[in-house]
């Protein structure tokens, strides 16, 4: 069991991508040296929703709640569980997150949004 600790480089990457207000994953996460000086690839979770309901706890809880779709017996998902597996990934020991206010988020219909991103390494 590995505890995660804060990584300012991952937070910087999360903030830079969040500021783009795109509802899609960072395209540089698999490129060596692009998302982090040491980690390749970098994992990522996105949460985008109404600014009025956003809390860090609520966003991370929504990712964790995908546990119900994950089977430890088969190590497979029965539906969406990629956010959950990223949060609890055994070898990830660093995390950095950021939130940015977006009047409009491209590739979604969301407006006045909190665009929250966490990056994970390795």
PDB file of N, CA and C in Angstrom:
ATOM      1  N   UNK A   1       0.852  -1.178   0.000  1.00  0.00           N
ATOM      2  CA  UNK A   1       0.000   0.000   0.000  1.00  0.00           C
ATOM      3  C   UNK A   1       0.891   1.231   0.000  1.00  0.00           C
ATOM      4  N   UNK A   2       0.759   2.056  -1.011  1.00  0.00           N
ATOM      5  CA  UNK A   2       1.589   3.256  -1.149  1.00  0.00           C
ATOM      6  C   UNK A   2       0.704   4.491  -0.993  1.00  0.00           C
ATOM      7  N   UNK A   3       1.114   5.392  -0.112  1.00  0.00           N
ATOM      8  CA  UNK A   3       0.404   6.663   0.017  1.00  0.00           C
ATOM      9  C   UNK A   3       0.884   7.615  -1.070  1.00  0.00           C
ATOM     10  N   UNK A   4      -0.029   8.412  -1.573  1.00  0.00           N
ATOM     11  CA  UNK A   4       0.343   9.401  -2.574  1.00  0.00           C
ATOM     12  C   UNK A   4       0.740  10.701  -1.883  1.00  0.00           C
ATOM     13  N   UNK A   5       1.708  11.374  -2.461  1.00  0.00           N
ATOM     14  CA  UNK A   5       2.104  12.690  -1.960  1.00  0.00           C
ATOM     15  C   UNK A   5       2.050  13.697  -3.110  1.00  0.00           C
ATOM     16  N   UNK A   6       1.978  14.968  -2.733  1.00  0.00           N
ATOM     17  CA  UNK A   6       1.814  16.060  -3.685  1.00  0.00           C
ATOM     18  C   UNK A   6       3.067  16.240  -4.529  1.00  0.00           C
ATOM     19  N   UNK A   7       2.867  16.493  -5.813  1.00  0.00           N
ATOM     20  CA  UNK A   7       3.965  16.757  -6.728  1.00  0.00           C
ATOM     21  C   UNK A   7       3.683  18.068  -7.462  1.00  0.00           C
ATOM     22  N   UNK A   8       4.486  19.103  -7.218  1.00  0.00           N
ATOM     23  CA  UNK A   8       4.221  20.404  -7.846  1.00  0.00           C
ATOM     24  C   UNK A   8       4.329  20.391  -9.369  1.00  0.00           C
ATOM     25  N   UNK A   9       5.168  19.524  -9.929  1.00  0.00           N
ATOM     26  CA  UNK A   9       5.270  19.444 -11.393  1.00  0.00           C
ATOM     27  C   UNK A   9       3.998  18.864 -12.000  1.00  0.00           C
ATOM     28  N   UNK A  10       3.414  17.859 -11.344  1.00  0.00           N
ATOM     29  CA  UNK A  10       2.145  17.308 -11.826  1.00  0.00           C
ATOM     30  C   UNK A  10       1.029  18.340 -11.700  1.00  0.00           C
ATOM     31  N   UNK A  11       1.048  19.122 -10.612  1.00  0.00           N
ATOM     32  CA  UNK A  11       0.039  20.177 -10.432  1.00  0.00           C
ATOM     33  C   UNK A  11       0.181  21.253 -11.510  1.00  0.00           C
ATOM     34  N   UNK A  12       1.417  21.584 -11.855  1.00  0.00           N
ATOM     35  CA  UNK A  12       1.669  22.583 -12.904  1.00  0.00           C
ATOM     36  C   UNK A  12       1.133  22.096 -14.252  1.00  0.00           C
ATOM     37  N   UNK A  13       1.345  20.824 -14.561  1.00  0.00           N
ATOM     38  CA  UNK A  13       0.819  20.244 -15.797  1.00  0.00           C
ATOM     39  C   UNK A  13      -0.702  20.255 -15.786  1.00  0.00           C
ATOM     40  N   UNK A  14      -1.291  19.890 -14.642  1.00  0.00           N
ATOM     41  CA  UNK A  14      -2.755  19.888 -14.515  1.00  0.00           C
ATOM     42  C   UNK A  14      -3.314  21.292 -14.727  1.00  0.00           C
ATOM     43  N   UNK A  15      -2.682  22.296 -14.135  1.00  0.00           N
ATOM     44  CA  UNK A  15      -3.163  23.675 -14.263  1.00  0.00           C
ATOM     45  C   UNK A  15      -3.050  24.161 -15.707  1.00  0.00           C
ATOM     46  N   UNK A  16      -1.929  23.888 -16.342  1.00  0.00           N
ATOM     47  CA  UNK A  16      -1.740  24.339 -17.729  1.00  0.00           C
ATOM     48  C   UNK A  16      -2.799  23.730 -18.647  1.00  0.00           C
ATOM     49  N   UNK A  17      -3.126  22.458 -18.437  1.00  0.00           N
ATOM     50  CA  UNK A  17      -4.133  21.814 -19.286  1.00  0.00           C
ATOM     51  C   UNK A  17      -5.531  22.295 -18.917  1.00  0.00           C
ATOM     52  N   UNK A  18      -5.812  22.458 -17.631  1.00  0.00           N
ATOM     53  CA  UNK A  18      -7.139  22.925 -17.197  1.00  0.00           C
ATOM     54  C   UNK A  18      -7.453  24.291 -17.802  1.00  0.00           C
ATOM     55  N   UNK A  19      -6.451  25.141 -17.911  1.00  0.00           N
ATOM     56  CA  UNK A  19      -6.655  26.489 -18.453  1.00  0.00           C
ATOM     57  C   UNK A  19      -7.075  26.486 -19.922  1.00  0.00           C
ATOM     58  N   UNK A  20      -6.866  25.386 -20.608  1.00  0.00           N
ATOM     59  CA  UNK A  20      -7.288  25.287 -22.010  1.00  0.00           C
ATOM     60  C   UNK A  20      -8.797  25.079 -22.142  1.00  0.00           C
ATOM     61  N   UNK A  21      -9.453  24.691 -21.036  1.00  0.00           N
ATOM     62  CA  UNK A  21     -10.916  24.497 -21.023  1.00  0.00           C
ATOM     63  C   UNK A  21     -11.374  23.523 -22.109  1.00  0.00           C
ATOM     64  N   UNK A  22     -10.700  22.387 -22.179  1.00  0.00           N
ATOM     65  CA  UNK A  22     -11.044  21.328 -23.127  1.00  0.00           C
ATOM     66  C   UNK A  22     -11.505  20.099 -22.352  1.00  0.00           C
ATOM     67  N   UNK A  23     -12.640  19.541 -22.728  1.00  0.00           N
ATOM     68  CA  UNK A  23     -13.109  18.317 -22.085  1.00  0.00           C
ATOM     69  C   UNK A  23     -12.512  17.118 -22.819  1.00  0.00           C
ATOM     70  N   UNK A  24     -11.195  16.997 -22.711  1.00  0.00           N
ATOM     71  CA  UNK A  24     -10.466  15.863 -23.271  1.00  0.00           C
ATOM     72  C   UNK A  24      -9.134  15.774 -22.557  1.00  0.00           C
ATOM     73  N   UNK A  25      -8.533  14.595 -22.639  1.00  0.00           N
ATOM     74  CA  UNK A  25      -7.284  14.382 -21.919  1.00  0.00           C
ATOM     75  C   UNK A  25      -6.117  15.094 -22.593  1.00  0.00           C
ATOM     76  N   UNK A  26      -5.144  15.449 -21.765  1.00  0.00           N
ATOM     77  CA  UNK A  26      -3.912  16.072 -22.212  1.00  0.00           C
ATOM     78  C   UNK A  26      -3.235  15.157 -23.235  1.00  0.00           C
ATOM     79  N   UNK A  27      -2.929  15.704 -24.378  1.00  0.00           N
ATOM     80  CA  UNK A  27      -2.352  14.913 -25.467  1.00  0.00           C
ATOM     81  C   UNK A  27      -0.855  14.646 -25.285  1.00  0.00           C
ATOM     82  N   UNK A  28      -0.233  15.244 -24.268  1.00  0.00           N
ATOM     83  CA  UNK A  28       1.210  15.109 -24.068  1.00  0.00           C
ATOM     84  C   UNK A  28       1.591  14.141 -22.950  1.00  0.00           C
ATOM     85  N   UNK A  29       0.619  13.438 -22.371  1.00  0.00           N
ATOM     86  CA  UNK A  29       0.887  12.603 -21.200  1.00  0.00           C
ATOM     87  C   UNK A  29       1.828  11.435 -21.473  1.00  0.00           C
ATOM     88  N   UNK A  30       1.905  10.987 -22.713  1.00  0.00           N
ATOM     89  CA  UNK A  30       2.752   9.832 -23.047  1.00  0.00           C
ATOM     90  C   UNK A  30       4.087  10.238 -23.654  1.00  0.00           C
ATOM     91  N   UNK A  31       4.307  11.539 -23.835  1.00  0.00           N
ATOM     92  CA  UNK A  31       5.548  12.015 -24.441  1.00  0.00           C
ATOM     93  C   UNK A  31       6.609  12.238 -23.362  1.00  0.00           C
ATOM     94  N   UNK A  32       7.767  11.568 -23.458  1.00  0.00           N
ATOM     95  CA  UNK A  32       8.812  11.722 -22.443  1.00  0.00           C
ATOM     96  C   UNK A  32       9.186  13.185 -22.208  1.00  0.00           C
ATOM     97  N   UNK A  33       9.190  13.583 -20.933  1.00  0.00           N
ATOM     98  CA  UNK A  33       9.595  14.927 -20.550  1.00  0.00           C
ATOM     99  C   UNK A  33       8.577  16.021 -20.777  1.00  0.00           C
ATOM    100  N   UNK A  34       7.449  15.731 -21.389  1.00  0.00           N
ATOM    101  CA  UNK A  34       6.465  16.772 -21.700  1.00  0.00           C
ATOM    102  C   UNK A  34       5.550  17.090 -20.518  1.00  0.00           C
ATOM    103  N   UNK A  35       5.042  16.071 -19.839  1.00  0.00           N
ATOM    104  CA  UNK A  35       4.100  16.291 -18.742  1.00  0.00           C
ATOM    105  C   UNK A  35       4.799  16.300 -17.387  1.00  0.00           C
ATOM    106  N   UNK A  36       5.964  15.658 -17.306  1.00  0.00           N
ATOM    107  CA  UNK A  36       6.705  15.575 -16.042  1.00  0.00           C
ATOM    108  C   UNK A  36       8.162  15.237 -16.350  1.00  0.00           C
ATOM    109  N   UNK A  37       9.106  15.801 -15.584  1.00  0.00           N
ATOM    110  CA  UNK A  37      10.516  15.521 -15.877  1.00  0.00           C
ATOM    111  C   UNK A  37      10.934  14.067 -15.637  1.00  0.00           C
ATOM    112  N   UNK A  38      10.225  13.341 -14.744  1.00  0.00           N
ATOM    113  CA  UNK A  38      10.620  11.965 -14.424  1.00  0.00           C
ATOM    114  C   UNK A  38       9.624  10.905 -14.874  1.00  0.00           C
ATOM    115  N   UNK A  39       8.335  11.211 -14.887  1.00  0.00           N
ATOM    116  CA  UNK A  39       7.312  10.194 -15.124  1.00  0.00           C
ATOM    117  C   UNK A  39       6.807  10.189 -16.567  1.00  0.00           C
ATOM    118  N   UNK A  40       6.845   9.023 -17.189  1.00  0.00           N
ATOM    119  CA  UNK A  40       6.239   8.809 -18.500  1.00  0.00           C
ATOM    120  C   UNK A  40       5.705   7.387 -18.521  1.00  0.00           C
ATOM    121  N   UNK A  41       4.445   7.187 -18.799  1.00  0.00           N
ATOM    122  CA  UNK A  41       3.429   8.222 -19.007  1.00  0.00           C
ATOM    123  C   UNK A  41       2.928   8.781 -17.683  1.00  0.00           C
ATOM    124  N   UNK A  42       2.111   9.816 -17.785  1.00  0.00           N
ATOM    125  CA  UNK A  42       1.442  10.425 -16.637  1.00  0.00           C
ATOM    126  C   UNK A  42      -0.033  10.078 -16.733  1.00  0.00           C
ATOM    127  N   UNK A  43      -0.626   9.648 -15.611  1.00  0.00           N
ATOM    128  CA  UNK A  43      -2.057   9.361 -15.577  1.00  0.00           C
ATOM    129  C   UNK A  43      -2.852  10.633 -15.340  1.00  0.00           C
ATOM    130  N   UNK A  44      -4.141  10.589 -15.671  1.00  0.00           N
ATOM    131  CA  UNK A  44      -4.952  11.807 -15.547  1.00  0.00           C
ATOM    132  C   UNK A  44      -6.427  11.478 -15.333  1.00  0.00           C
ATOM    133  N   UNK A  45      -7.056  12.237 -14.459  1.00  0.00           N
ATOM    134  CA  UNK A  45      -8.509  12.229 -14.290  1.00  0.00           C
ATOM    135  C   UNK A  45      -9.031  13.644 -14.478  1.00  0.00           C
ATOM    136  N   UNK A  46     -10.197  13.751 -15.111  1.00  0.00           N
ATOM    137  CA  UNK A  46     -10.867  15.040 -15.318  1.00  0.00           C
ATOM    138  C   UNK A  46     -12.216  15.025 -14.607  1.00  0.00           C
ATOM    139  N   UNK A  47     -12.585  16.152 -14.047  1.00  0.00           N
ATOM    140  CA  UNK A  47     -13.943  16.366 -13.543  1.00  0.00           C
ATOM    141  C   UNK A  47     -14.344  17.756 -14.004  1.00  0.00           C
ATOM    142  N   UNK A  48     -15.437  17.842 -14.701  1.00  0.00           N
ATOM    143  CA  UNK A  48     -15.930  19.130 -15.177  1.00  0.00           C
ATOM    144  C   UNK A  48     -17.402  19.224 -14.843  1.00  0.00           C
ATOM    145  N   UNK A  49     -17.765  20.295 -14.178  1.00  0.00           N
ATOM    146  CA  UNK A  49     -19.161  20.469 -13.794  1.00  0.00           C
ATOM    147  C   UNK A  49     -19.419  21.876 -13.320  1.00  0.00           C
ATOM    148  N   UNK A  50     -20.609  22.078 -12.848  1.00  0.00           N
ATOM    149  CA  UNK A  50     -21.037  23.398 -12.411  1.00  0.00           C
ATOM    150  C   UNK A  50     -20.133  23.935 -11.308  1.00  0.00           C
ATOM    151  N   UNK A  51     -19.705  25.166 -11.485  1.00  0.00           N
ATOM    152  CA  UNK A  51     -18.876  25.819 -10.482  1.00  0.00           C
ATOM    153  C   UNK A  51     -19.585  25.866  -9.132  1.00  0.00           C
ATOM    154  N   UNK A  52     -20.902  25.976  -9.155  1.00  0.00           N
ATOM    155  CA  UNK A  52     -21.663  26.120  -7.905  1.00  0.00           C
ATOM    156  C   UNK A  52     -21.672  24.851  -7.057  1.00  0.00           C
ATOM    157  N   UNK A  53     -21.407  23.688  -7.660  1.00  0.00           N
ATOM    158  CA  UNK A  53     -21.420  22.449  -6.876  1.00  0.00           C
ATOM    159  C   UNK A  53     -20.030  21.850  -6.675  1.00  0.00           C
ATOM    160  N   UNK A  54     -18.996  22.447  -7.262  1.00  0.00           N
ATOM    161  CA  UNK A  54     -17.666  21.856  -7.214  1.00  0.00           C
ATOM    162  C   UNK A  54     -17.051  21.889  -5.824  1.00  0.00           C
ATOM    163  N   UNK A  55     -16.545  20.738  -5.400  1.00  0.00           N
ATOM    164  CA  UNK A  55     -15.593  20.630  -4.296  1.00  0.00           C
ATOM    165  C   UNK A  55     -14.589  19.557  -4.703  1.00  0.00           C
ATOM    166  N   UNK A  56     -13.387  19.667  -4.198  1.00  0.00           N
ATOM    167  CA  UNK A  56     -12.375  18.651  -4.478  1.00  0.00           C
ATOM    168  C   UNK A  56     -12.871  17.291  -3.992  1.00  0.00           C
ATOM    169  N   UNK A  57     -13.439  17.266  -2.793  1.00  0.00           N
ATOM    170  CA  UNK A  57     -13.929  16.005  -2.237  1.00  0.00           C
ATOM    171  C   UNK A  57     -14.991  15.374  -3.132  1.00  0.00           C
ATOM    172  N   UNK A  58     -15.915  16.181  -3.624  1.00  0.00           N
ATOM    173  CA  UNK A  58     -16.991  15.659  -4.473  1.00  0.00           C
ATOM    174  C   UNK A  58     -16.423  15.087  -5.773  1.00  0.00           C
ATOM    175  N   UNK A  59     -15.456  15.774  -6.365  1.00  0.00           N
ATOM    176  CA  UNK A  59     -14.867  15.299  -7.619  1.00  0.00           C
ATOM    177  C   UNK A  59     -14.149  13.966  -7.415  1.00  0.00           C
ATOM    178  N   UNK A  60     -13.298  13.891  -6.400  1.00  0.00           N
ATOM    179  CA  UNK A  60     -12.548  12.657  -6.154  1.00  0.00           C
ATOM    180  C   UNK A  60     -13.490  11.529  -5.746  1.00  0.00           C
ATOM    181  N   UNK A  61     -14.513  11.844  -4.968  1.00  0.00           N
ATOM    182  CA  UNK A  61     -15.508  10.828  -4.598  1.00  0.00           C
ATOM    183  C   UNK A  61     -16.216  10.290  -5.834  1.00  0.00           C
ATOM    184  N   UNK A  62     -16.519  11.156  -6.798  1.00  0.00           N
ATOM    185  CA  UNK A  62     -17.190  10.684  -8.019  1.00  0.00           C
ATOM    186  C   UNK A  62     -16.293   9.719  -8.788  1.00  0.00           C
ATOM    187  N   UNK A  63     -14.985   9.968  -8.778  1.00  0.00           N
ATOM    188  CA  UNK A  63     -14.064   9.033  -9.420  1.00  0.00           C
ATOM    189  C   UNK A  63     -14.020   7.724  -8.645  1.00  0.00           C
ATOM    190  N   UNK A  64     -13.908   7.820  -7.337  1.00  0.00           N
ATOM    191  CA  UNK A  64     -13.817   6.622  -6.499  1.00  0.00           C
ATOM    192  C   UNK A  64     -15.084   5.774  -6.592  1.00  0.00           C
ATOM    193  N   UNK A  65     -16.226   6.404  -6.736  1.00  0.00           N
ATOM    194  CA  UNK A  65     -17.498   5.675  -6.775  1.00  0.00           C
ATOM    195  C   UNK A  65     -17.606   4.704  -7.947  1.00  0.00           C
ATOM    196  N   UNK A  66     -16.707   4.802  -8.908  1.00  0.00           N
ATOM    197  CA  UNK A  66     -16.687   3.830  -9.998  1.00  0.00           C
ATOM    198  C   UNK A  66     -16.215   2.453  -9.526  1.00  0.00           C
ATOM    199  N   UNK A  67     -15.827   2.339  -8.246  1.00  0.00           N
ATOM    200  CA  UNK A  67     -15.415   1.059  -7.673  1.00  0.00           C
ATOM    201  C   UNK A  67     -16.475  -0.013  -7.893  1.00  0.00           C
ATOM    202  N   UNK A  68     -17.730   0.383  -7.930  1.00  0.00           N
ATOM    203  CA  UNK A  68     -18.814  -0.594  -8.104  1.00  0.00           C
ATOM    204  C   UNK A  68     -18.757  -1.292  -9.466  1.00  0.00           C
ATOM    205  N   UNK A  69     -18.058  -0.699 -10.421  1.00  0.00           N
ATOM    206  CA  UNK A  69     -17.940  -1.306 -11.750  1.00  0.00           C
ATOM    207  C   UNK A  69     -16.667  -2.138 -11.900  1.00  0.00           C
ATOM    208  N   UNK A  70     -15.846  -2.167 -10.851  1.00  0.00           N
ATOM    209  CA  UNK A  70     -14.569  -2.879 -10.923  1.00  0.00           C
ATOM    210  C   UNK A  70     -14.654  -4.228 -10.226  1.00  0.00           C
ATOM    211  N   UNK A  71     -14.086  -5.247 -10.850  1.00  0.00           N
ATOM    212  CA  UNK A  71     -14.027  -6.582 -10.259  1.00  0.00           C
ATOM    213  C   UNK A  71     -12.582  -6.909  -9.902  1.00  0.00           C
ATOM    214  N   UNK A  72     -12.315  -7.075  -8.603  1.00  0.00           N
ATOM    215  CA  UNK A  72     -10.977  -7.481  -8.178  1.00  0.00           C
ATOM    216  C   UNK A  72     -10.689  -8.921  -8.590  1.00  0.00           C
ATOM    217  N   UNK A  73     -11.729  -9.741  -8.680  1.00  0.00           N
ATOM    218  CA  UNK A  73     -11.559 -11.151  -9.053  1.00  0.00           C
ATOM    219  C   UNK A  73     -11.017 -11.293 -10.469  1.00  0.00           C
ATOM    220  N   UNK A  74     -11.501 -10.455 -11.381  1.00  0.00           N
ATOM    221  CA  UNK A  74     -11.082 -10.557 -12.781  1.00  0.00           C
ATOM    222  C   UNK A  74     -10.157  -9.421 -13.219  1.00  0.00           C
ATOM    223  N   UNK A  75      -9.986  -8.416 -12.353  1.00  0.00           N
ATOM    224  CA  UNK A  75      -9.188  -7.234 -12.684  1.00  0.00           C
ATOM    225  C   UNK A  75      -9.728  -6.541 -13.932  1.00  0.00           C
ATOM    226  N   UNK A  76     -11.058  -6.503 -14.036  1.00  0.00           N
ATOM    227  CA  UNK A  76     -11.725  -5.883 -15.179  1.00  0.00           C
ATOM    228  C   UNK A  76     -12.859  -4.981 -14.722  1.00  0.00           C
ATOM    229  N   UNK A  77     -13.279  -4.132 -15.646  1.00  0.00           N
ATOM    230  CA  UNK A  77     -14.388  -3.215 -15.396  1.00  0.00           C
ATOM    231  C   UNK A  77     -15.667  -3.749 -16.032  1.00  0.00           C
ATOM    232  N   UNK A  78     -16.764  -3.596 -15.323  1.00  0.00           N
ATOM    233  CA  UNK A  78     -18.091  -3.852 -15.881  1.00  0.00           C
ATOM    234  C   UNK A  78     -18.742  -2.479 -16.062  1.00  0.00           C
ATOM    235  N   UNK A  79     -18.299  -1.769 -17.053  1.00  0.00           N
ATOM    236  CA  UNK A  79     -18.717  -0.384 -17.236  1.00  0.00           C
ATOM    237  C   UNK A  79     -17.535   0.534 -16.975  1.00  0.00           C
ATOM    238  N   UNK A  80     -17.817   1.798 -16.739  1.00  0.00           N
ATOM    239  CA  UNK A  80     -16.756   2.791 -16.540  1.00  0.00           C
ATOM    240  C   UNK A  80     -16.126   2.646 -15.156  1.00  0.00           C
ATOM    241  N   UNK A  81     -14.809   2.448 -15.123  1.00  0.00           N
ATOM    242  CA  UNK A  81     -14.115   2.439 -13.830  1.00  0.00           C
ATOM    243  C   UNK A  81     -12.681   2.948 -13.947  1.00  0.00           C
ATOM    244  N   UNK A  82     -12.347   3.553 -15.077  1.00  0.00           N
ATOM    245  CA  UNK A  82     -10.994   4.053 -15.288  1.00  0.00           C
ATOM    246  C   UNK A  82     -10.574   5.145 -14.325  1.00  0.00           C
ATOM    247  N   UNK A  83     -11.518   5.991 -13.902  1.00  0.00           N
ATOM    248  CA  UNK A  83     -11.181   7.025 -12.919  1.00  0.00           C
ATOM    249  C   UNK A  83     -10.823   6.375 -11.584  1.00  0.00           C
ATOM    250  N   UNK A  84     -11.628   5.372 -11.199  1.00  0.00           N
ATOM    251  CA  UNK A  84     -11.372   4.656  -9.945  1.00  0.00           C
ATOM    252  C   UNK A  84      -9.995   4.000  -9.972  1.00  0.00           C
ATOM    253  N   UNK A  85      -9.707   3.246 -11.031  1.00  0.00           N
ATOM    254  CA  UNK A  85      -8.430   2.538 -11.066  1.00  0.00           C
ATOM    255  C   UNK A  85      -7.255   3.511 -11.050  1.00  0.00           C
ATOM    256  N   UNK A  86      -7.418   4.689 -11.637  1.00  0.00           N
ATOM    257  CA  UNK A  86      -6.337   5.675 -11.593  1.00  0.00           C
ATOM    258  C   UNK A  86      -6.117   6.187 -10.176  1.00  0.00           C
ATOM    259  N   UNK A  87      -7.194   6.454  -9.448  1.00  0.00           N
ATOM    260  CA  UNK A  87      -7.078   6.965  -8.075  1.00  0.00           C
ATOM    261  C   UNK A  87      -6.358   5.964  -7.174  1.00  0.00           C
ATOM    262  N   UNK A  88      -6.605   4.677  -7.364  1.00  0.00           N
ATOM    263  CA  UNK A  88      -6.050   3.659  -6.464  1.00  0.00           C
ATOM    264  C   UNK A  88      -4.902   2.860  -7.090  1.00  0.00           C
ATOM    265  N   UNK A  89      -4.397   3.274  -8.233  1.00  0.00           N
ATOM    266  CA  UNK A  89      -3.352   2.532  -8.933  1.00  0.00           C
ATOM    267  C   UNK A  89      -2.178   2.244  -7.995  1.00  0.00           C
ATOM    268  N   UNK A  90      -1.788   0.985  -7.908  1.00  0.00           N
ATOM    269  CA  UNK A  90      -0.830   0.533  -6.900  1.00  0.00           C
ATOM    270  C   UNK A  90       0.517   1.235  -6.971  1.00  0.00           C
ATOM    271  N   UNK A  91       0.997   1.537  -8.159  1.00  0.00           N
ATOM    272  CA  UNK A  91       2.341   2.106  -8.271  1.00  0.00           C
ATOM    273  C   UNK A  91       2.366   3.630  -8.354  1.00  0.00           C
ATOM    274  N   UNK A  92       1.221   4.271  -8.405  1.00  0.00           N
ATOM    275  CA  UNK A  92       1.194   5.744  -8.426  1.00  0.00           C
ATOM    276  C   UNK A  92       1.421   6.267  -7.011  1.00  0.00           C
ATOM    277  N   UNK A  93       2.458   7.069  -6.844  1.00  0.00           N
ATOM    278  CA  UNK A  93       2.747   7.605  -5.517  1.00  0.00           C
ATOM    279  C   UNK A  93       2.837   9.131  -5.497  1.00  0.00           C
ATOM    280  N   UNK A  94       2.626   9.758  -6.633  1.00  0.00           N
ATOM    281  CA  UNK A  94       2.626  11.220  -6.718  1.00  0.00           C
ATOM    282  C   UNK A  94       1.347  11.694  -7.386  1.00  0.00           C
ATOM    283  N   UNK A  95       0.843  12.835  -6.937  1.00  0.00           N
ATOM    284  CA  UNK A  95      -0.373  13.414  -7.509  1.00  0.00           C
ATOM    285  C   UNK A  95      -0.237  14.937  -7.503  1.00  0.00           C
ATOM    286  N   UNK A  96      -0.810  15.550  -8.497  1.00  0.00           N
ATOM    287  CA  UNK A  96      -0.884  17.005  -8.564  1.00  0.00           C
ATOM    288  C   UNK A  96      -2.175  17.385  -9.254  1.00  0.00           C
ATOM    289  N   UNK A  97      -2.919  18.308  -8.663  1.00  0.00           N
ATOM    290  CA  UNK A  97      -4.241  18.674  -9.182  1.00  0.00           C
ATOM    291  C   UNK A  97      -4.355  20.184  -9.328  1.00  0.00           C
ATOM    292  N   UNK A  98      -5.319  20.587 -10.132  1.00  0.00           N
ATOM    293  CA  UNK A  98      -5.615  22.010 -10.301  1.00  0.00           C
ATOM    294  C   UNK A  98      -7.046  22.157 -10.790  1.00  0.00           C
ATOM    295  N   UNK A  99      -7.624  23.313 -10.467  1.00  0.00           N
ATOM    296  CA  UNK A  99      -8.964  23.632 -10.960  1.00  0.00           C
ATOM    297  C   UNK A  99      -8.889  24.985 -11.652  1.00  0.00           C
ATOM    298  N   UNK A 100      -9.689  25.134 -12.692  1.00  0.00           N
ATOM    299  CA  UNK A 100      -9.735  26.399 -13.420  1.00  0.00           C
ATOM    300  C   UNK A 100     -11.186  26.715 -13.755  1.00  0.00           C
ATOM    301  N   UNK A 101     -11.561  27.972 -13.628  1.00  0.00           N
ATOM    302  CA  UNK A 101     -12.901  28.404 -14.023  1.00  0.00           C
ATOM    303  C   UNK A 101     -12.935  28.561 -15.536  1.00  0.00           C
ATOM    304  N   UNK A 102     -13.919  27.925 -16.168  1.00  0.00           N
ATOM    305  CA  UNK A 102     -14.088  28.016 -17.618  1.00  0.00           C
ATOM    306  C   UNK A 102     -15.492  28.516 -17.939  1.00  0.00           C
ATOM    307  N   UNK A 103     -15.618  29.675 -18.589  1.00  0.00           N
ATOM    308  CA  UNK A 103     -16.944  30.138 -19.000  1.00  0.00           C
ATOM    309  C   UNK A 103     -17.628  29.130 -19.922  1.00  0.00           C
ATOM    310  N   UNK A 104     -16.809  28.439 -20.725  1.00  0.00           N
ATOM    311  CA  UNK A 104     -17.307  27.407 -21.634  1.00  0.00           C
ATOM    312  C   UNK A 104     -16.223  26.341 -21.757  1.00  0.00           C
ATOM    313  N   UNK A 105     -16.633  25.078 -21.798  1.00  0.00           N
ATOM    314  CA  UNK A 105     -15.685  23.975 -21.936  1.00  0.00           C
ATOM    315  C   UNK A 105     -15.889  23.327 -23.303  1.00  0.00           C
ATOM    316  N   UNK A 106     -14.855  23.380 -24.132  1.00  0.00           N
ATOM    317  CA  UNK A 106     -14.936  22.792 -25.470  1.00  0.00           C
ATOM    318  C   UNK A 106     -15.115  21.280 -25.381  1.00  0.00           C
ATOM    319  N   UNK A 107     -15.805  20.722 -26.356  1.00  0.00           N
ATOM    320  CA  UNK A 107     -16.129  19.295 -26.438  1.00  0.00           C
ATOM    321  C   UNK A 107     -17.147  18.875 -25.384  1.00  0.00           C
ATOM    322  N   UNK A 108     -17.888  19.839 -24.856  1.00  0.00           N
ATOM    323  CA  UNK A 108     -18.980  19.553 -23.924  1.00  0.00           C
ATOM    324  C   UNK A 108     -19.982  20.693 -24.027  1.00  0.00           C
ATOM    325  N   UNK A 109     -21.111  20.528 -23.370  1.00  0.00           N
ATOM    326  CA  UNK A 109     -22.118  21.592 -23.360  1.00  0.00           C
ATOM    327  C   UNK A 109     -22.079  22.370 -22.051  1.00  0.00           C
ATOM    328  N   UNK A 110     -21.035  22.160 -21.274  1.00  0.00           N
ATOM    329  CA  UNK A 110     -20.945  22.749 -19.939  1.00  0.00           C
ATOM    330  C   UNK A 110     -20.466  24.198 -20.020  1.00  0.00           C
ATOM    331  N   UNK A 111     -21.175  25.065 -19.300  1.00  0.00           N
ATOM    332  CA  UNK A 111     -20.771  26.470 -19.183  1.00  0.00           C
ATOM    333  C   UNK A 111     -20.618  26.815 -17.706  1.00  0.00           C
ATOM    334  N   UNK A 112     -19.924  27.918 -17.436  1.00  0.00           N
ATOM    335  CA  UNK A 112     -19.655  28.348 -16.056  1.00  0.00           C
ATOM    336  C   UNK A 112     -19.172  27.172 -15.215  1.00  0.00           C
ATOM    337  N   UNK A 113     -18.095  26.579 -15.666  1.00  0.00           N
ATOM    338  CA  UNK A 113     -17.646  25.300 -15.118  1.00  0.00           C
ATOM    339  C   UNK A 113     -16.390  25.404 -14.269  1.00  0.00           C
ATOM    340  N   UNK A 114     -16.320  24.490 -13.319  1.00  0.00           N
ATOM    341  CA  UNK A 114     -15.071  24.174 -12.640  1.00  0.00           C
ATOM    342  C   UNK A 114     -14.467  23.014 -13.431  1.00  0.00           C
ATOM    343  N   UNK A 115     -13.275  23.223 -13.946  1.00  0.00           N
ATOM    344  CA  UNK A 115     -12.587  22.191 -14.735  1.00  0.00           C
ATOM    345  C   UNK A 115     -11.422  21.712 -13.872  1.00  0.00           C
ATOM    346  N   UNK A 116     -11.587  20.535 -13.259  1.00  0.00           N
ATOM    347  CA  UNK A 116     -10.660  20.000 -12.261  1.00  0.00           C
ATOM    348  C   UNK A 116      -9.901  18.823 -12.855  1.00  0.00           C
ATOM    349  N   UNK A 117      -8.584  18.877 -12.732  1.00  0.00           N
ATOM    350  CA  UNK A 117      -7.732  17.837 -13.300  1.00  0.00           C
ATOM    351  C   UNK A 117      -6.724  17.381 -12.254  1.00  0.00           C
ATOM    352  N   UNK A 118      -6.555  16.072 -12.155  1.00  0.00           N
ATOM    353  CA  UNK A 118      -5.481  15.499 -11.351  1.00  0.00           C
ATOM    354  C   UNK A 118      -4.597  14.662 -12.259  1.00  0.00           C
ATOM    355  N   UNK A 119      -3.296  14.842 -12.095  1.00  0.00           N
ATOM    356  CA  UNK A 119      -2.310  14.033 -12.803  1.00  0.00           C
ATOM    357  C   UNK A 119      -1.595  13.144 -11.792  1.00  0.00           C
ATOM    358  N   UNK A 120      -1.233  11.946 -12.244  1.00  0.00           N
ATOM    359  CA  UNK A 120      -0.665  10.925 -11.369  1.00  0.00           C
ATOM    360  C   UNK A 120       0.631  10.385 -11.953  1.00  0.00           C
ATOM    361  N   UNK A 121       1.593  10.114 -11.076  1.00  0.00           N
ATOM    362  CA  UNK A 121       2.831   9.524 -11.531  1.00  0.00           C
ATOM    363  C   UNK A 121       3.312   8.444 -10.579  1.00  0.00           C
ATOM    364  N   UNK A 122       4.021   7.493 -11.080  1.00  0.00           N
ATOM    365  CA  UNK A 122       4.167   7.253 -12.515  1.00  0.00           C
ATOM    366  C   UNK A 122       2.939   6.568 -13.087  1.00  0.00           C
TER     367      UNK A 122
END
